[in-house]
Every structure is written in structure tokens, then in C-alpha cells.
Amino acid sequence: MAAMRIAVTGASGLIGGALTTALARAGHDVVRLVRREPQAADEIRWDPARRVLDPGALSGCGAVVHLAGAGVGNRRWTEARKKELYDSRVRGTATIAAAAAAADSPPGVLLCGTAIGFYGDTADRWVDEDSPPGEGFLAELVQDWEAAAEPAAAAGIRTAFARTGLVVAREGGAWGRLFPLFKAGLGGRLGNGRQFWSFIALHDEIAAMQYILDTPALSGPVNLTAPEPLTNREVTAAMGRVLHRPTLAAVPAPVLRVALGEFAGDVLGSQRVRPKRLVESGFTYAFPEIEQAIAAALRTG
């Protein structure tokens, strides 16, 4: 990918931080969109809550990567929290898309990070990018989230959606909470453990995003998951093997529902996702197996 100016939202998050580092190392001029007062020359302020972003900030960018949004699993899903989750994603995406479309020299590609929550609970049924949306709050959220990018696509900007699964990383995200528990010997299956987890190593997540930016044929939804999802029971066993810890603990479904409320349905739900478009386009995974992904996370921190 030729060096270019790339604007990134959500650069302080797990994926955004890793991506901006990788892009800078590759020679790109990375601009971070922040909601506070800029503190460096490579920062530009925007206000997604008020849908404010000067189109000039994106003019001349070769690409825009939009990753900002409130954390899905950070708090219990009250009605107020669900509104915050919805607004942060839909308003943010609409703001980015409108500014990109209105730029004098619009970006060539807009990559929005979304989620495999689009498919809902799939049980043991395989789904890919051609599958219809599922049911539930997250599925409805992702549909509106992706629809909010339509102004960019209508303006002729290649628009892609990185529907990300569970990212295996030592710090941050769901896995960042699992590692301390398993290291302490307190790890175990969640519910009956038969639900499928569609995971991806952080390294492969970042590589896949760069691959999408550099592959003109990829637009629309692209699943960012490893080729073979595993059940929670299988993931639990793999964590025990890599960390050399027992995995006898288990969290019953009723306890999860009391602790997490409505979000427990997504934790206990099953998503057997196939990354069809990524694989068919020729992307190569560095850590396709769960034990490889876990070991890589432990090495990189």
C-alpha cells in the first residue's frame, strides 16, 4: 500500500492503537480524530455527538478508518446505556460519512469497524457475509450502524465494514478480562460452554484491516474472524493448555444473567462465523489457530 494520509477515529482503543502504530510504521501519515482539544499536530477535533466534523479535515486523505464507539461490554445494559451505545456508533458513523462525502478531495476508502453481532445468535449454524441479520439489540444496532455510512458510498467512496469477532489480546477487550482469571486458575467455561466463539488474533485483525484498505475489490461487509471458530468449552481448554492452569471453574448461565443483565444473552449466545470474503480474496492469517493466537497475545503484551 503506497504511503498516504490516513485519518483514524478511536485511535486510543485496543484496535485503534495497534492499527495507528502499524500504519505509522508502514510510512503512512496518520491523523487522529479526537473529541477533546487537540494536543499534538497529528490530532484533529471532532464532535460526533453533535455531528460536527469539518470536511476539510478529511480532504486529501487516502483513507479513513472509523473505530470510535462506546464499549459494548463495559457496563450493564440499562436503557440509558443502550442509547449511548447506539448514538455513539450511529451518530459517529453518520458524521464521518457526511464529512468524507463533502470533502473537496474525498478519501478513496472508508473502513468502518463494526461487529459480528450483526448475525445474532446463530447456534451451530454457519453464517458469512451473505447471511441475513439476526435478532436482538446488537443485530439491530449493527444494521443501523452500517446504514449510517451510506452518504460515503453514495458519493463514490469505497466503503467497507470490518465485522470483527472476539479479538485475542492480552490487554483490552473481552480477552483482556479473561487472561487474569485464567492465570489465577479461576478460568472456566461460561454457561454450558457449547456456544461458538468466533475469535481473531490482534495481529491478524490489524493485518486484515490494512489488507482491506489495500484491496479495491473489498467493499461492504468483511468478517474479521479466524477461519475456524471454536466452542467456549474448546477455547477454555486451550487457555488452560497454553497458560498451564486448571480450568475447572464455570460460571452458570443464571449467574451471568444476574451479573450482566441483557448483555448475558450475547455472552451466552453462539456465533459460528465464516470469514468468506477475506479468505476468498487471498488474505493469509499469521495465527489462525486458537493456541497460536493466545501465545501471540502473551508474547506481544
C-alpha atoms as a PDB file:
ATOM      1  CA  MET A   1       0.000   0.000   0.000  1.00  0.00           C
ATOM      2  CA  ALA A   2       1.532   3.322  -1.096  1.00  0.00           C
ATOM      3  CA  ALA A   3       2.140   5.819   1.700  1.00  0.00           C
ATOM      4  CA  MET A   4      -0.845   8.099   2.224  1.00  0.00           C
ATOM      5  CA  ARG A   5      -2.596  10.305   4.751  1.00  0.00           C
ATOM      6  CA  ILE A   6      -4.995   8.212   6.839  1.00  0.00           C
ATOM      7  CA  ALA A   7      -7.491   9.588   9.360  1.00  0.00           C
ATOM      8  CA  VAL A   8      -8.440   7.313  12.273  1.00  0.00           C
ATOM      9  CA  THR A   9     -11.148   7.621  14.919  1.00  0.00           C
ATOM     10  CA  GLY A  10     -10.972   5.551  18.097  1.00  0.00           C
ATOM     11  CA  ALA A  11      -7.175   5.613  17.966  1.00  0.00           C
ATOM     12  CA  SER A  12      -6.906   5.277  21.753  1.00  0.00           C
ATOM     13  CA  GLY A  13      -8.720   1.934  21.841  1.00  0.00           C
ATOM     14  CA  LEU A  14      -7.293  -1.581  21.647  1.00  0.00           C
ATOM     15  CA  ILE A  15      -7.644  -1.970  17.877  1.00  0.00           C
ATOM     16  CA  GLY A  16      -7.190   1.707  17.036  1.00  0.00           C
ATOM     17  CA  GLY A  17      -3.960   1.965  18.996  1.00  0.00           C
ATOM     18  CA  ALA A  18      -2.478  -1.109  17.368  1.00  0.00           C
ATOM     19  CA  LEU A  19      -3.628  -0.018  13.915  1.00  0.00           C
ATOM     20  CA  THR A  20      -2.237   3.517  14.110  1.00  0.00           C
ATOM     21  CA  THR A  21       1.105   2.126  15.262  1.00  0.00           C
ATOM     22  CA  ALA A  22       1.177  -0.329  12.342  1.00  0.00           C
ATOM     23  CA  LEU A  23       0.179   2.335   9.813  1.00  0.00           C
ATOM     24  CA  ALA A  24       2.842   4.760  11.056  1.00  0.00           C
ATOM     25  CA  ARG A  25       5.487   2.041  10.876  1.00  0.00           C
ATOM     26  CA  ALA A  26       4.425   1.393   7.286  1.00  0.00           C
ATOM     27  CA  GLY A  27       5.185   5.018   6.436  1.00  0.00           C
ATOM     28  CA  HIS A  28       1.681   6.475   6.420  1.00  0.00           C
ATOM     29  CA  ASP A  29       0.821   9.933   7.730  1.00  0.00           C
ATOM     30  CA  VAL A  30      -1.719   9.116  10.442  1.00  0.00           C
ATOM     31  CA  VAL A  31      -4.161  11.755  11.677  1.00  0.00           C
ATOM     32  CA  ARG A  32      -6.138  11.030  14.847  1.00  0.00           C
ATOM     33  CA  LEU A  33      -9.649  12.405  15.280  1.00  0.00           C
ATOM     34  CA  VAL A  34     -10.238  13.209  18.967  1.00  0.00           C
ATOM     35  CA  ARG A  35     -13.193  14.572  20.910  1.00  0.00           C
ATOM     36  CA  ARG A  36     -11.091  16.753  23.230  1.00  0.00           C
ATOM     37  CA  GLU A  37      -8.892  19.722  22.442  1.00  0.00           C
ATOM     38  CA  PRO A  38      -6.027  18.571  20.167  1.00  0.00           C
ATOM     39  CA  GLN A  39      -2.711  18.214  21.989  1.00  0.00           C
ATOM     40  CA  ALA A  40      -0.477  17.343  19.049  1.00  0.00           C
ATOM     41  CA  ALA A  41      -0.028  18.290  15.399  1.00  0.00           C
ATOM     42  CA  ASP A  42      -1.457  14.947  14.262  1.00  0.00           C
ATOM     43  CA  GLU A  43      -4.766  15.416  16.111  1.00  0.00           C
ATOM     44  CA  ILE A  44      -7.973  16.980  14.806  1.00  0.00           C
ATOM     45  CA  ARG A  45     -11.060  17.612  16.926  1.00  0.00           C
ATOM     46  CA  TRP A  46     -14.496  16.331  16.012  1.00  0.00           C
ATOM     47  CA  ASP A  47     -17.792  16.118  17.902  1.00  0.00           C
ATOM     48  CA  PRO A  48     -19.770  13.018  16.912  1.00  0.00           C
ATOM     49  CA  ALA A  49     -22.474  13.690  19.496  1.00  0.00           C
ATOM     50  CA  ARG A  50     -23.315  16.945  17.682  1.00  0.00           C
ATOM     51  CA  ARG A  51     -22.353  15.518  14.274  1.00  0.00           C
ATOM     52  CA  VAL A  52     -19.664  18.137  13.795  1.00  0.00           C
ATOM     53  CA  LEU A  53     -16.584  17.494  11.658  1.00  0.00           C
ATOM     54  CA  ASP A  54     -15.049  19.893   9.163  1.00  0.00           C
ATOM     55  CA  PRO A  55     -14.932  18.093   5.779  1.00  0.00           C
ATOM     56  CA  GLY A  56     -11.591  19.788   5.242  1.00  0.00           C
ATOM     57  CA  ALA A  57     -10.118  17.540   7.929  1.00  0.00           C
ATOM     58  CA  LEU A  58     -10.630  14.550   5.638  1.00  0.00           C
ATOM     59  CA  SER A  59      -9.814  16.264   2.346  1.00  0.00           C
ATOM     60  CA  GLY A  60      -6.703  14.750   0.808  1.00  0.00           C
ATOM     61  CA  CYS A  61      -6.810  11.618   2.967  1.00  0.00           C
ATOM     62  CA  GLY A  62      -6.285   8.425   1.038  1.00  0.00           C
ATOM     63  CA  ALA A  63      -8.326   6.530   3.607  1.00  0.00           C
ATOM     64  CA  VAL A  64     -10.440   6.983   6.732  1.00  0.00           C
ATOM     65  CA  VAL A  65     -10.734   4.287   9.394  1.00  0.00           C
ATOM     66  CA  HIS A  66     -13.639   4.747  11.797  1.00  0.00           C
ATOM     67  CA  LEU A  67     -13.353   2.737  15.027  1.00  0.00           C
ATOM     68  CA  ALA A  68     -14.854   5.032  17.670  1.00  0.00           C
ATOM     69  CA  GLY A  69     -17.763   3.989  19.880  1.00  0.00           C
ATOM     70  CA  ALA A  70     -18.685   3.284  23.484  1.00  0.00           C
ATOM     71  CA  GLY A  71     -17.578  -0.132  24.778  1.00  0.00           C
ATOM     72  CA  VAL A  72     -20.283  -2.780  24.371  1.00  0.00           C
ATOM     73  CA  GLY A  73     -19.311  -4.922  27.342  1.00  0.00           C
ATOM     74  CA  ASN A  74     -18.039  -2.241  29.710  1.00  0.00           C
ATOM     75  CA  ARG A  75     -21.263  -1.708  31.656  1.00  0.00           C
ATOM     76  CA  ARG A  76     -24.621  -3.287  32.319  1.00  0.00           C
ATOM     77  CA  TRP A  77     -27.111  -2.634  29.525  1.00  0.00           C
ATOM     78  CA  THR A  78     -29.583  -0.202  31.035  1.00  0.00           C
ATOM     79  CA  GLU A  79     -31.848   1.641  28.615  1.00  0.00           C
ATOM     80  CA  ALA A  80     -29.632   4.702  29.016  1.00  0.00           C
ATOM     81  CA  ARG A  81     -26.511   2.662  28.248  1.00  0.00           C
ATOM     82  CA  LYS A  82     -28.082   1.106  25.158  1.00  0.00           C
ATOM     83  CA  LYS A  83     -28.950   4.587  23.903  1.00  0.00           C
ATOM     84  CA  GLU A  84     -25.350   5.643  24.484  1.00  0.00           C
ATOM     85  CA  LEU A  85     -24.078   2.600  22.579  1.00  0.00           C
ATOM     86  CA  TYR A  86     -26.460   3.293  19.720  1.00  0.00           C
ATOM     87  CA  ASP A  87     -25.828   7.020  19.484  1.00  0.00           C
ATOM     88  CA  SER A  88     -22.043   6.744  19.736  1.00  0.00           C
ATOM     89  CA  ARG A  89     -21.943   4.409  16.749  1.00  0.00           C
ATOM     90  CA  VAL A  90     -24.726   5.632  14.504  1.00  0.00           C
ATOM     91  CA  ARG A  91     -24.093   9.355  15.017  1.00  0.00           C
ATOM     92  CA  GLY A  92     -20.337   8.887  14.778  1.00  0.00           C
ATOM     93  CA  THR A  93     -20.581   6.937  11.526  1.00  0.00           C
ATOM     94  CA  ALA A  94     -23.053   9.408  10.033  1.00  0.00           C
ATOM     95  CA  THR A  95     -20.705  12.276  10.935  1.00  0.00           C
ATOM     96  CA  ILE A  96     -17.683  10.625   9.332  1.00  0.00           C
ATOM     97  CA  ALA A  97     -19.604   9.588   6.211  1.00  0.00           C
ATOM     98  CA  ALA A  98     -21.094  13.038   5.660  1.00  0.00           C
ATOM     99  CA  ALA A  99     -17.745  14.785   6.103  1.00  0.00           C
ATOM    100  CA  ALA A 100     -15.992  12.336   3.774  1.00  0.00           C
ATOM    101  CA  ALA A 101     -18.661  12.821   1.114  1.00  0.00           C
ATOM    102  CA  ALA A 102     -18.442  16.618   1.390  1.00  0.00           C
ATOM    103  CA  ALA A 103     -14.626  16.833   1.261  1.00  0.00           C
ATOM    104  CA  ASP A 104     -13.140  18.704  -1.722  1.00  0.00           C
ATOM    105  CA  SER A 105     -10.748  15.792  -2.250  1.00  0.00           C
ATOM    106  CA  PRO A 106     -12.615  12.847  -0.684  1.00  0.00           C
ATOM    107  CA  PRO A 107     -10.848   9.741   0.635  1.00  0.00           C
ATOM    108  CA  GLY A 108     -10.649   6.720  -1.619  1.00  0.00           C
ATOM    109  CA  VAL A 109     -11.879   4.335   1.043  1.00  0.00           C
ATOM    110  CA  LEU A 110     -13.821   4.445   4.299  1.00  0.00           C
ATOM    111  CA  LEU A 111     -13.323   1.442   6.590  1.00  0.00           C
ATOM    112  CA  CYS A 112     -15.791   1.243   9.491  1.00  0.00           C
ATOM    113  CA  GLY A 113     -15.214  -1.203  12.300  1.00  0.00           C
ATOM    114  CA  THR A 114     -18.496  -2.926  13.154  1.00  0.00           C
ATOM    115  CA  ALA A 115     -19.243  -6.339  14.669  1.00  0.00           C
ATOM    116  CA  ILE A 116     -20.336  -9.912  14.016  1.00  0.00           C
ATOM    117  CA  GLY A 117     -23.190  -9.082  16.378  1.00  0.00           C
ATOM    118  CA  PHE A 118     -24.971  -8.376  13.080  1.00  0.00           C
ATOM    119  CA  TYR A 119     -25.763 -12.110  12.796  1.00  0.00           C
ATOM    120  CA  GLY A 120     -27.344 -12.517  16.222  1.00  0.00           C
ATOM    121  CA  ASP A 121     -27.284 -15.936  17.894  1.00  0.00           C
ATOM    122  CA  THR A 122     -26.552 -18.464  15.138  1.00  0.00           C
ATOM    123  CA  ALA A 123     -26.364 -21.583  17.370  1.00  0.00           C
ATOM    124  CA  ASP A 124     -24.308 -24.160  15.409  1.00  0.00           C
ATOM    125  CA  ARG A 125     -25.309 -22.718  12.026  1.00  0.00           C
ATOM    126  CA  TRP A 126     -22.557 -21.248   9.850  1.00  0.00           C
ATOM    127  CA  VAL A 127     -23.010 -17.653   8.661  1.00  0.00           C
ATOM    128  CA  ASP A 128     -20.998 -15.449   6.316  1.00  0.00           C
ATOM    129  CA  GLU A 129     -21.292 -12.024   4.710  1.00  0.00           C
ATOM    130  CA  ASP A 130     -24.203 -13.187   2.554  1.00  0.00           C
ATOM    131  CA  SER A 131     -26.277 -14.219   5.590  1.00  0.00           C
ATOM    132  CA  PRO A 132     -29.207 -12.072   6.755  1.00  0.00           C
ATOM    133  CA  PRO A 133     -29.144 -10.109  10.017  1.00  0.00           C
ATOM    134  CA  GLY A 134     -30.137 -11.791  13.239  1.00  0.00           C
ATOM    135  CA  GLU A 135     -32.344 -10.572  16.063  1.00  0.00           C
ATOM    136  CA  GLY A 136     -31.657  -8.626  19.224  1.00  0.00           C
ATOM    137  CA  PHE A 137     -30.215  -5.284  20.243  1.00  0.00           C
ATOM    138  CA  LEU A 138     -26.730  -5.791  18.794  1.00  0.00           C
ATOM    139  CA  ALA A 139     -28.015  -7.097  15.471  1.00  0.00           C
ATOM    140  CA  GLU A 140     -30.299  -4.082  15.103  1.00  0.00           C
ATOM    141  CA  LEU A 141     -27.522  -1.740  16.202  1.00  0.00           C
ATOM    142  CA  VAL A 142     -25.052  -3.047  13.613  1.00  0.00           C
ATOM    143  CA  GLN A 143     -27.640  -2.719  10.833  1.00  0.00           C
ATOM    144  CA  ASP A 144     -28.230   0.954  11.624  1.00  0.00           C
ATOM    145  CA  TRP A 145     -24.516   1.494  12.283  1.00  0.00           C
ATOM    146  CA  GLU A 146     -23.591   0.299   8.804  1.00  0.00           C
ATOM    147  CA  ALA A 147     -26.524   2.051   7.147  1.00  0.00           C
ATOM    148  CA  ALA A 148     -25.265   5.361   8.567  1.00  0.00           C
ATOM    149  CA  ALA A 149     -22.252   5.166   6.209  1.00  0.00           C
ATOM    150  CA  GLU A 150     -24.458   5.370   3.117  1.00  0.00           C
ATOM    151  CA  PRO A 151     -23.579   9.016   2.300  1.00  0.00           C
ATOM    152  CA  ALA A 152     -19.963   7.991   1.735  1.00  0.00           C
ATOM    153  CA  ALA A 153     -20.895   5.073  -0.507  1.00  0.00           C
ATOM    154  CA  ALA A 154     -23.347   7.271  -2.429  1.00  0.00           C
ATOM    155  CA  ALA A 155     -20.532   9.750  -3.057  1.00  0.00           C
ATOM    156  CA  GLY A 156     -18.469   7.013  -4.718  1.00  0.00           C
ATOM    157  CA  ILE A 157     -16.166   6.304  -1.775  1.00  0.00           C
ATOM    158  CA  ARG A 158     -15.348   2.606  -1.413  1.00  0.00           C
ATOM    159  CA  THR A 159     -16.973   1.739   1.896  1.00  0.00           C
ATOM    160  CA  ALA A 160     -16.156  -1.429   3.821  1.00  0.00           C
ATOM    161  CA  PHE A 161     -17.295  -2.760   7.192  1.00  0.00           C
ATOM    162  CA  ALA A 162     -14.886  -4.792   9.305  1.00  0.00           C
ATOM    163  CA  ARG A 163     -17.293  -7.050  11.198  1.00  0.00           C
ATOM    164  CA  THR A 164     -14.958  -8.047  13.993  1.00  0.00           C
ATOM    165  CA  GLY A 165     -15.240 -11.073  16.257  1.00  0.00           C
ATOM    166  CA  LEU A 166     -13.629 -11.618  19.665  1.00  0.00           C
ATOM    167  CA  VAL A 167     -10.105 -10.178  19.488  1.00  0.00           C
ATOM    168  CA  VAL A 168      -7.474 -12.234  21.308  1.00  0.00           C
ATOM    169  CA  ALA A 169      -5.305  -9.628  23.044  1.00  0.00           C
ATOM    170  CA  ARG A 170      -3.558  -9.554  26.385  1.00  0.00           C
ATOM    171  CA  GLU A 171      -4.891  -6.142  27.339  1.00  0.00           C
ATOM    172  CA  GLY A 172      -8.229  -4.651  26.363  1.00  0.00           C
ATOM    173  CA  GLY A 173     -11.391  -6.181  25.004  1.00  0.00           C
ATOM    174  CA  ALA A 174     -13.058  -9.332  26.275  1.00  0.00           C
ATOM    175  CA  TRP A 175      -9.868 -11.374  26.253  1.00  0.00           C
ATOM    176  CA  GLY A 176      -8.096  -8.792  28.380  1.00  0.00           C
ATOM    177  CA  ARG A 177     -10.534  -9.732  31.151  1.00  0.00           C
ATOM    178  CA  LEU A 178     -10.064 -13.453  30.643  1.00  0.00           C
ATOM    179  CA  PHE A 179      -6.280 -13.624  30.915  1.00  0.00           C
ATOM    180  CA  PRO A 180      -6.022 -12.544  34.600  1.00  0.00           C
ATOM    181  CA  LEU A 181      -8.732 -15.029  35.606  1.00  0.00           C
ATOM    182  CA  PHE A 182      -7.118 -17.925  33.784  1.00  0.00           C
ATOM    183  CA  LYS A 183      -3.639 -17.035  35.058  1.00  0.00           C
ATOM    184  CA  ALA A 184      -5.041 -17.162  38.585  1.00  0.00           C
ATOM    185  CA  GLY A 185      -6.513 -20.605  37.921  1.00  0.00           C
ATOM    186  CA  LEU A 186     -10.050 -19.223  38.049  1.00  0.00           C
ATOM    187  CA  GLY A 187     -10.876 -19.605  34.369  1.00  0.00           C
ATOM    188  CA  GLY A 188     -13.626 -21.868  33.113  1.00  0.00           C
ATOM    189  CA  ARG A 189     -16.468 -22.232  30.688  1.00  0.00           C
ATOM    190  CA  LEU A 190     -19.354 -19.782  30.531  1.00  0.00           C
ATOM    191  CA  GLY A 191     -22.786 -21.361  30.722  1.00  0.00           C
ATOM    192  CA  ASN A 192     -22.803 -24.805  29.101  1.00  0.00           C
ATOM    193  CA  GLY A 193     -19.739 -23.916  27.003  1.00  0.00           C
ATOM    194  CA  ARG A 194     -21.315 -25.112  23.763  1.00  0.00           C
ATOM    195  CA  GLN A 195     -21.683 -21.626  22.246  1.00  0.00           C
ATOM    196  CA  PHE A 196     -19.320 -20.861  19.359  1.00  0.00           C
ATOM    197  CA  TRP A 197     -16.766 -18.100  19.742  1.00  0.00           C
ATOM    198  CA  SER A 198     -15.544 -16.536  16.503  1.00  0.00           C
ATOM    199  CA  PHE A 199     -12.143 -15.194  17.503  1.00  0.00           C
ATOM    200  CA  ILE A 200      -9.248 -13.447  15.772  1.00  0.00           C
ATOM    201  CA  ALA A 201      -5.690 -12.692  16.894  1.00  0.00           C
ATOM    202  CA  LEU A 202      -4.998  -8.981  17.321  1.00  0.00           C
ATOM    203  CA  HIS A 203      -2.128  -9.280  14.830  1.00  0.00           C
ATOM    204  CA  ASP A 204      -4.466 -10.734  12.194  1.00  0.00           C
ATOM    205  CA  GLU A 205      -7.136  -8.124  12.962  1.00  0.00           C
ATOM    206  CA  ILE A 206      -4.698  -5.316  12.193  1.00  0.00           C
ATOM    207  CA  ALA A 207      -3.261  -7.089   9.154  1.00  0.00           C
ATOM    208  CA  ALA A 208      -6.774  -7.704   7.810  1.00  0.00           C
ATOM    209  CA  MET A 209      -7.717  -4.046   8.168  1.00  0.00           C
ATOM    210  CA  GLN A 210      -4.619  -2.996   6.273  1.00  0.00           C
ATOM    211  CA  TYR A 211      -5.426  -5.639   3.669  1.00  0.00           C
ATOM    212  CA  ILE A 212      -8.937  -4.240   3.192  1.00  0.00           C
ATOM    213  CA  LEU A 213      -7.548  -0.733   2.744  1.00  0.00           C
ATOM    214  CA  ASP A 214      -5.193  -2.071   0.071  1.00  0.00           C
ATOM    215  CA  THR A 215      -7.690  -4.320  -1.767  1.00  0.00           C
ATOM    216  CA  PRO A 216     -10.016  -2.359  -4.094  1.00  0.00           C
ATOM    217  CA  ALA A 217     -12.272  -5.381  -4.625  1.00  0.00           C
ATOM    218  CA  LEU A 218     -13.300  -5.427  -0.970  1.00  0.00           C
ATOM    219  CA  SER A 219     -16.280  -3.268  -0.053  1.00  0.00           C
ATOM    220  CA  GLY A 220     -19.360  -3.830   2.051  1.00  0.00           C
ATOM    221  CA  PRO A 221     -19.186  -6.292   4.970  1.00  0.00           C
ATOM    222  CA  VAL A 222     -15.999  -8.272   5.594  1.00  0.00           C
ATOM    223  CA  ASN A 223     -15.922 -10.694   8.539  1.00  0.00           C
ATOM    224  CA  LEU A 224     -12.742 -10.383  10.590  1.00  0.00           C
ATOM    225  CA  THR A 225     -12.577 -13.737  12.350  1.00  0.00           C
ATOM    226  CA  ALA A 226     -10.292 -16.749  12.225  1.00  0.00           C
ATOM    227  CA  PRO A 227     -11.308 -19.439   9.700  1.00  0.00           C
ATOM    228  CA  GLU A 228     -12.448 -21.964  12.323  1.00  0.00           C
ATOM    229  CA  PRO A 229     -14.476 -20.748  15.322  1.00  0.00           C
ATOM    230  CA  LEU A 230     -14.456 -22.913  18.437  1.00  0.00           C
ATOM    231  CA  THR A 231     -16.876 -23.509  21.256  1.00  0.00           C
ATOM    232  CA  ASN A 232     -16.374 -21.720  24.536  1.00  0.00           C
ATOM    233  CA  ARG A 233     -15.534 -25.109  26.071  1.00  0.00           C
ATOM    234  CA  GLU A 234     -12.766 -25.626  23.470  1.00  0.00           C
ATOM    235  CA  VAL A 235     -11.419 -22.116  23.983  1.00  0.00           C
ATOM    236  CA  THR A 236     -11.385 -22.682  27.741  1.00  0.00           C
ATOM    237  CA  ALA A 237      -9.361 -25.881  27.317  1.00  0.00           C
ATOM    238  CA  ALA A 238      -6.909 -24.104  25.003  1.00  0.00           C
ATOM    239  CA  MET A 239      -6.390 -21.311  27.524  1.00  0.00           C
ATOM    240  CA  GLY A 240      -5.623 -23.897  30.182  1.00  0.00           C
ATOM    241  CA  ARG A 241      -3.082 -25.663  27.961  1.00  0.00           C
ATOM    242  CA  VAL A 242      -1.238 -22.511  26.937  1.00  0.00           C
ATOM    243  CA  LEU A 243      -1.208 -20.986  30.426  1.00  0.00           C
ATOM    244  CA  HIS A 244      -0.684 -24.325  32.217  1.00  0.00           C
ATOM    245  CA  ARG A 245      -3.545 -23.654  34.587  1.00  0.00           C
ATOM    246  CA  PRO A 246      -6.606 -25.662  35.615  1.00  0.00           C
ATOM    247  CA  THR A 247      -9.919 -24.698  34.036  1.00  0.00           C
ATOM    248  CA  LEU A 248     -12.326 -26.322  36.458  1.00  0.00           C
ATOM    249  CA  ALA A 249     -14.262 -23.184  37.306  1.00  0.00           C
ATOM    250  CA  ALA A 250     -17.508 -22.481  35.497  1.00  0.00           C
ATOM    251  CA  VAL A 251     -19.985 -19.619  35.536  1.00  0.00           C
ATOM    252  CA  PRO A 252     -23.584 -20.882  35.307  1.00  0.00           C
ATOM    253  CA  ALA A 253     -25.903 -19.074  32.922  1.00  0.00           C
ATOM    254  CA  PRO A 254     -28.210 -17.758  35.706  1.00  0.00           C
ATOM    255  CA  VAL A 255     -25.243 -16.124  37.458  1.00  0.00           C
ATOM    256  CA  LEU A 256     -24.180 -14.415  34.232  1.00  0.00           C
ATOM    257  CA  ARG A 257     -27.704 -13.127  33.696  1.00  0.00           C
ATOM    258  CA  VAL A 258     -27.782 -11.635  37.188  1.00  0.00           C
ATOM    259  CA  ALA A 259     -24.338 -10.061  36.766  1.00  0.00           C
ATOM    260  CA  LEU A 260     -24.645  -8.820  33.184  1.00  0.00           C
ATOM    261  CA  GLY A 261     -28.355  -8.385  32.600  1.00  0.00           C
ATOM    262  CA  GLU A 262     -29.399  -8.306  28.951  1.00  0.00           C
ATOM    263  CA  PHE A 263     -25.773  -8.459  27.746  1.00  0.00           C
ATOM    264  CA  ALA A 264     -25.555 -12.006  29.151  1.00  0.00           C
ATOM    265  CA  GLY A 265     -27.629 -13.153  26.189  1.00  0.00           C
ATOM    266  CA  ASP A 266     -24.804 -12.158  23.863  1.00  0.00           C
ATOM    267  CA  VAL A 267     -22.117 -13.680  26.093  1.00  0.00           C
ATOM    268  CA  LEU A 268     -24.006 -16.978  26.158  1.00  0.00           C
ATOM    269  CA  GLY A 269     -25.080 -16.714  22.527  1.00  0.00           C
ATOM    270  CA  SER A 270     -23.344 -18.612  19.748  1.00  0.00           C
ATOM    271  CA  GLN A 271     -21.834 -17.094  16.609  1.00  0.00           C
ATOM    272  CA  ARG A 272     -20.315 -19.513  14.112  1.00  0.00           C
ATOM    273  CA  VAL A 273     -18.957 -17.026  11.599  1.00  0.00           C
ATOM    274  CA  ARG A 274     -17.027 -17.804   8.431  1.00  0.00           C
ATOM    275  CA  PRO A 275     -14.695 -15.063   7.038  1.00  0.00           C
ATOM    276  CA  LYS A 276     -15.677 -15.946   3.488  1.00  0.00           C
ATOM    277  CA  ARG A 277     -14.727 -12.735   1.710  1.00  0.00           C
ATOM    278  CA  LEU A 278     -11.371 -12.365   3.454  1.00  0.00           C
ATOM    279  CA  VAL A 279     -10.339 -15.942   2.697  1.00  0.00           C
ATOM    280  CA  GLU A 280     -11.585 -15.943  -0.896  1.00  0.00           C
ATOM    281  CA  SER A 281      -9.751 -12.685  -1.633  1.00  0.00           C
ATOM    282  CA  GLY A 282      -6.431 -14.278  -0.651  1.00  0.00           C
ATOM    283  CA  PHE A 283      -5.749 -12.979   2.868  1.00  0.00           C
ATOM    284  CA  THR A 284      -3.237 -15.080   4.823  1.00  0.00           C
ATOM    285  CA  TYR A 285      -3.576 -15.478   8.590  1.00  0.00           C
ATOM    286  CA  ALA A 286      -0.486 -15.475  10.792  1.00  0.00           C
ATOM    287  CA  PHE A 287      -2.265 -17.063  13.782  1.00  0.00           C
ATOM    288  CA  PRO A 288      -5.354 -18.945  12.571  1.00  0.00           C
ATOM    289  CA  GLU A 289      -5.434 -21.466  15.463  1.00  0.00           C
ATOM    290  CA  ILE A 290      -6.605 -20.513  18.946  1.00  0.00           C
ATOM    291  CA  GLU A 291      -3.451 -21.668  20.733  1.00  0.00           C
ATOM    292  CA  GLN A 292      -1.344 -19.671  18.270  1.00  0.00           C
ATOM    293  CA  ALA A 293      -3.484 -16.589  18.880  1.00  0.00           C
ATOM    294  CA  ILE A 294      -3.250 -16.965  22.675  1.00  0.00           C
ATOM    295  CA  ALA A 295       0.532 -17.486  22.585  1.00  0.00           C
ATOM    296  CA  ALA A 296       0.952 -14.473  20.289  1.00  0.00           C
ATOM    297  CA  ALA A 297      -1.063 -12.294  22.683  1.00  0.00           C
ATOM    298  CA  LEU A 298       1.136 -13.350  25.595  1.00  0.00           C
ATOM    299  CA  ARG A 299       4.301 -12.525  23.643  1.00  0.00           C
ATOM    300  CA  THR A 300       3.233  -9.103  22.438  1.00  0.00           C
ATOM    301  CA  GLY A 301       1.506  -7.888  25.610  1.00  0.00           C
END
